[in-house]
Protein backbone atom coordinates (compact mmCIF):
# COMPACT_ATOMS: atom_id res chain seq x y z
CA UNK A 1 -0.05 0.01 0.04
CA UNK A 2 1.45 3.57 -0.92
CA UNK A 3 1.97 6.13 1.72
CA UNK A 4 -0.65 8.11 -0.01
CA UNK A 5 -3.12 5.52 0.48
CA UNK A 6 -2.18 4.88 3.86
CA UNK A 7 -2.73 8.38 4.73
CA UNK A 8 -5.97 8.62 2.98
CA UNK A 9 -7.40 5.55 4.99
CA UNK A 10 -5.98 6.83 8.17
CA UNK A 11 -7.09 10.56 8.13
CA UNK A 12 -10.03 10.55 5.86
CA UNK A 13 -11.71 7.33 6.86
CA UNK A 14 -10.57 6.35 10.38
CA UNK A 15 -10.10 9.70 12.10
CA UNK A 16 -13.49 10.92 11.52
CA UNK A 17 -15.01 7.34 12.41
CA UNK A 18 -12.66 7.34 15.42
CA UNK A 19 -13.88 11.03 16.34
CA UNK A 20 -17.43 10.16 16.10
CA UNK A 21 -17.41 7.00 18.24
CA UNK A 22 -14.82 8.40 20.73
CA UNK A 23 -15.52 12.00 21.22
CA UNK A 24 -19.10 12.13 20.45
CA UNK A 25 -20.84 8.87 21.16
CA UNK A 26 -18.72 7.50 23.99
CA UNK A 27 -17.99 10.73 25.76
CA UNK A 28 -21.69 11.71 25.89
CA UNK A 29 -22.44 8.39 27.52
CA UNK A 30 -20.14 9.46 30.31
CA UNK A 31 -22.37 12.62 30.59
CA UNK A 32 -25.24 10.43 31.15
CA UNK A 33 -23.29 8.88 34.09
CA UNK A 34 -22.99 12.23 35.60
CA UNK A 35 -26.48 13.13 34.88
CA UNK A 36 -27.98 9.96 36.51
CA UNK A 37 -25.61 10.57 39.49
CA UNK A 38 -23.65 7.36 39.23
CA UNK A 39 -20.56 9.36 39.96
CA UNK A 40 -19.65 13.08 40.70
CA UNK A 41 -19.11 15.40 37.73
CA UNK A 42 -15.61 14.98 36.18
CA UNK A 43 -13.26 17.89 36.42
CA UNK A 44 -9.91 17.96 34.50
CA UNK A 45 -6.86 18.30 37.06
CA UNK A 46 -6.01 21.97 37.65
CA UNK A 47 -2.69 21.67 35.85
CA UNK A 48 -4.46 20.82 32.67
CA UNK A 49 -7.00 23.60 33.03
CA UNK A 50 -4.22 26.09 33.81
CA UNK A 51 -2.38 25.47 30.57
CA UNK A 52 -1.93 28.21 28.16
CA UNK A 53 -3.45 27.48 24.69
CA UNK A 54 0.02 26.88 23.29
CA UNK A 55 1.13 24.58 26.04
CA UNK A 56 -2.38 22.60 25.70
CA UNK A 57 -1.93 22.11 21.88
CA UNK A 58 1.78 21.40 22.10
CA UNK A 59 1.48 18.81 25.06
CA UNK A 60 -1.73 17.18 23.86
CA UNK A 61 -0.98 17.26 20.01
CA UNK A 62 2.81 16.49 20.13
CA UNK A 63 4.31 15.33 23.24
CA UNK A 64 1.47 13.22 24.52
CA UNK A 65 0.91 11.33 21.16
CA UNK A 66 4.70 10.84 20.81
CA UNK A 67 5.18 9.28 24.05
CA UNK A 68 2.12 7.23 24.18
CA UNK A 69 2.42 5.82 20.61
CA UNK A 70 6.04 4.65 21.42
CA UNK A 71 5.01 3.38 24.89
CA UNK A 72 1.82 1.61 24.14
CA UNK A 73 1.83 0.96 20.49
CA UNK A 74 5.48 0.57 19.04
CA UNK A 75 6.06 -2.55 20.98
CA UNK A 76 3.16 -4.13 19.50
CA UNK A 77 5.32 -5.09 16.45
CA UNK A 78 7.34 -7.42 18.72
CA UNK A 79 4.30 -9.55 19.65
CA UNK A 80 2.52 -9.65 16.34
CA UNK A 81 3.43 -13.20 15.56
CA UNK A 82 2.95 -14.60 18.88
CA UNK A 83 -0.17 -16.49 19.82
CA UNK A 84 -0.90 -14.06 22.85
CA UNK A 85 -0.80 -11.08 20.51
CA UNK A 86 -4.68 -10.40 21.27
CA UNK A 87 -3.94 -10.20 25.02
CA UNK A 88 -1.17 -7.85 24.68
CA UNK A 89 -3.08 -5.71 22.09
CA UNK A 90 -6.22 -5.44 24.33
CA UNK A 91 -4.27 -5.04 27.52
CA UNK A 92 -2.12 -2.24 25.86
CA UNK A 93 -5.40 -0.37 24.96
CA UNK A 94 -7.06 -0.97 28.45
CA UNK A 95 -3.86 0.39 30.22
CA UNK A 96 -3.76 3.33 27.85
CA UNK A 97 -7.30 4.31 28.59
CA UNK A 98 -6.90 3.78 32.30
CA UNK A 99 -3.77 6.05 32.30
CA UNK A 100 -5.97 8.86 31.17
CA UNK A 101 -8.01 8.63 34.33
CA UNK A 102 -5.11 10.38 36.02
CA UNK A 103 -6.12 13.57 33.77
CA UNK A 104 -9.13 13.98 36.12
CA UNK A 105 -9.52 15.12 39.87
CA UNK A 106 -11.32 11.97 41.01
CA UNK A 107 -12.80 10.66 44.22
CA UNK A 108 -14.53 7.47 45.52
CA UNK A 109 -17.44 7.97 43.37
CA UNK A 110 -15.30 7.80 40.23
CA UNK A 111 -13.36 4.53 41.01
CA UNK A 112 -15.95 1.97 40.50
CA UNK A 113 -16.77 3.67 37.10
CA UNK A 114 -13.26 4.34 36.06
CA UNK A 115 -13.17 1.90 33.00
CA UNK A 116 -16.61 3.24 31.91
CA UNK A 117 -15.19 6.93 32.34
CA UNK A 118 -12.13 6.26 30.09
CA UNK A 119 -14.00 4.09 27.60
CA UNK A 120 -13.33 6.81 24.90
CA UNK A 121 -9.65 6.41 25.49
CA UNK A 122 -9.87 2.68 25.63
CA UNK A 123 -11.58 2.71 22.29
CA UNK A 124 -8.89 5.33 20.86
CA UNK A 125 -6.40 2.89 22.05
CA UNK A 126 -7.98 -0.14 20.05
CA UNK A 127 -8.16 2.14 16.95
CA UNK A 128 -4.67 3.37 17.32
CA UNK A 129 -3.38 -0.10 17.88
CA UNK A 130 -5.19 -1.20 14.74
CA UNK A 131 -3.46 1.63 12.73
CA UNK A 132 -0.10 1.05 14.08
CA UNK A 133 -0.45 -2.83 13.15
CA UNK A 134 -1.83 -2.19 9.70
CA UNK A 135 0.02 1.22 8.58
CA UNK A 136 2.87 1.59 10.96
CA UNK A 137 3.62 3.67 14.18
CA UNK A 138 4.00 7.01 12.54
CA UNK A 139 0.43 6.81 11.09
CA UNK A 140 -0.78 6.19 14.51
CA UNK A 141 1.09 9.02 15.79
CA UNK A 142 -0.36 11.42 13.07
CA UNK A 143 -3.88 10.04 13.75
CA UNK A 144 -3.52 10.53 17.62
CA UNK A 145 -2.01 14.03 17.30
CA UNK A 146 -4.98 15.17 14.90
CA UNK A 147 -7.62 13.44 17.10
CA UNK A 148 -6.31 15.34 20.00
CA UNK A 149 -6.33 18.53 17.94
CA UNK A 150 -9.82 18.05 16.98
CA UNK A 151 -10.94 17.26 20.50
CA UNK A 152 -9.48 20.48 21.64
CA UNK A 153 -11.16 22.46 18.96
CA UNK A 154 -14.44 20.57 19.59
CA UNK A 155 -14.10 21.36 23.26
CA UNK A 156 -13.40 25.07 22.61
CA UNK A 157 -16.31 25.43 20.15
CA UNK A 158 -19.07 22.96 21.28
CA UNK A 159 -18.05 21.61 24.62
CA UNK A 160 -18.28 17.99 26.01
CA UNK A 161 -20.71 18.91 28.56
CA UNK A 162 -24.38 18.39 27.65
CA UNK A 163 -26.12 18.86 30.97
């Protein structure tokens, strides 16, 4: 497959699909959890809230995707031919998602629902893992960076709170 075809499939098909499922459908399900009082309202850590726009974009669209892709997805190639590849693949996506729980100020009400709360990031980890295996780590990085960019834009224009 050519680089152009990989970019087209990664950015024109998978990125919008990932954004729709992840940032729109799954995130708004989390809002229902807050609405029905399953847990207290989620609040980003103060250190994230206080970032300047430049720092936010730089961190979320360059630094975080770079580190996360090389920590969680790059090693997948070493397990691809192993019979336990599926376990490693899904475990890396789950751990990737759970790591994002640390972005929030959490309390006891959140702990039971932590996997539900980070379901969008777990889904993102699955999509990025697929991209990494099918197209390569740099396509996953590009997708991850652009996904984060679009999430920041969405948050500034529309917001993620519906109640």
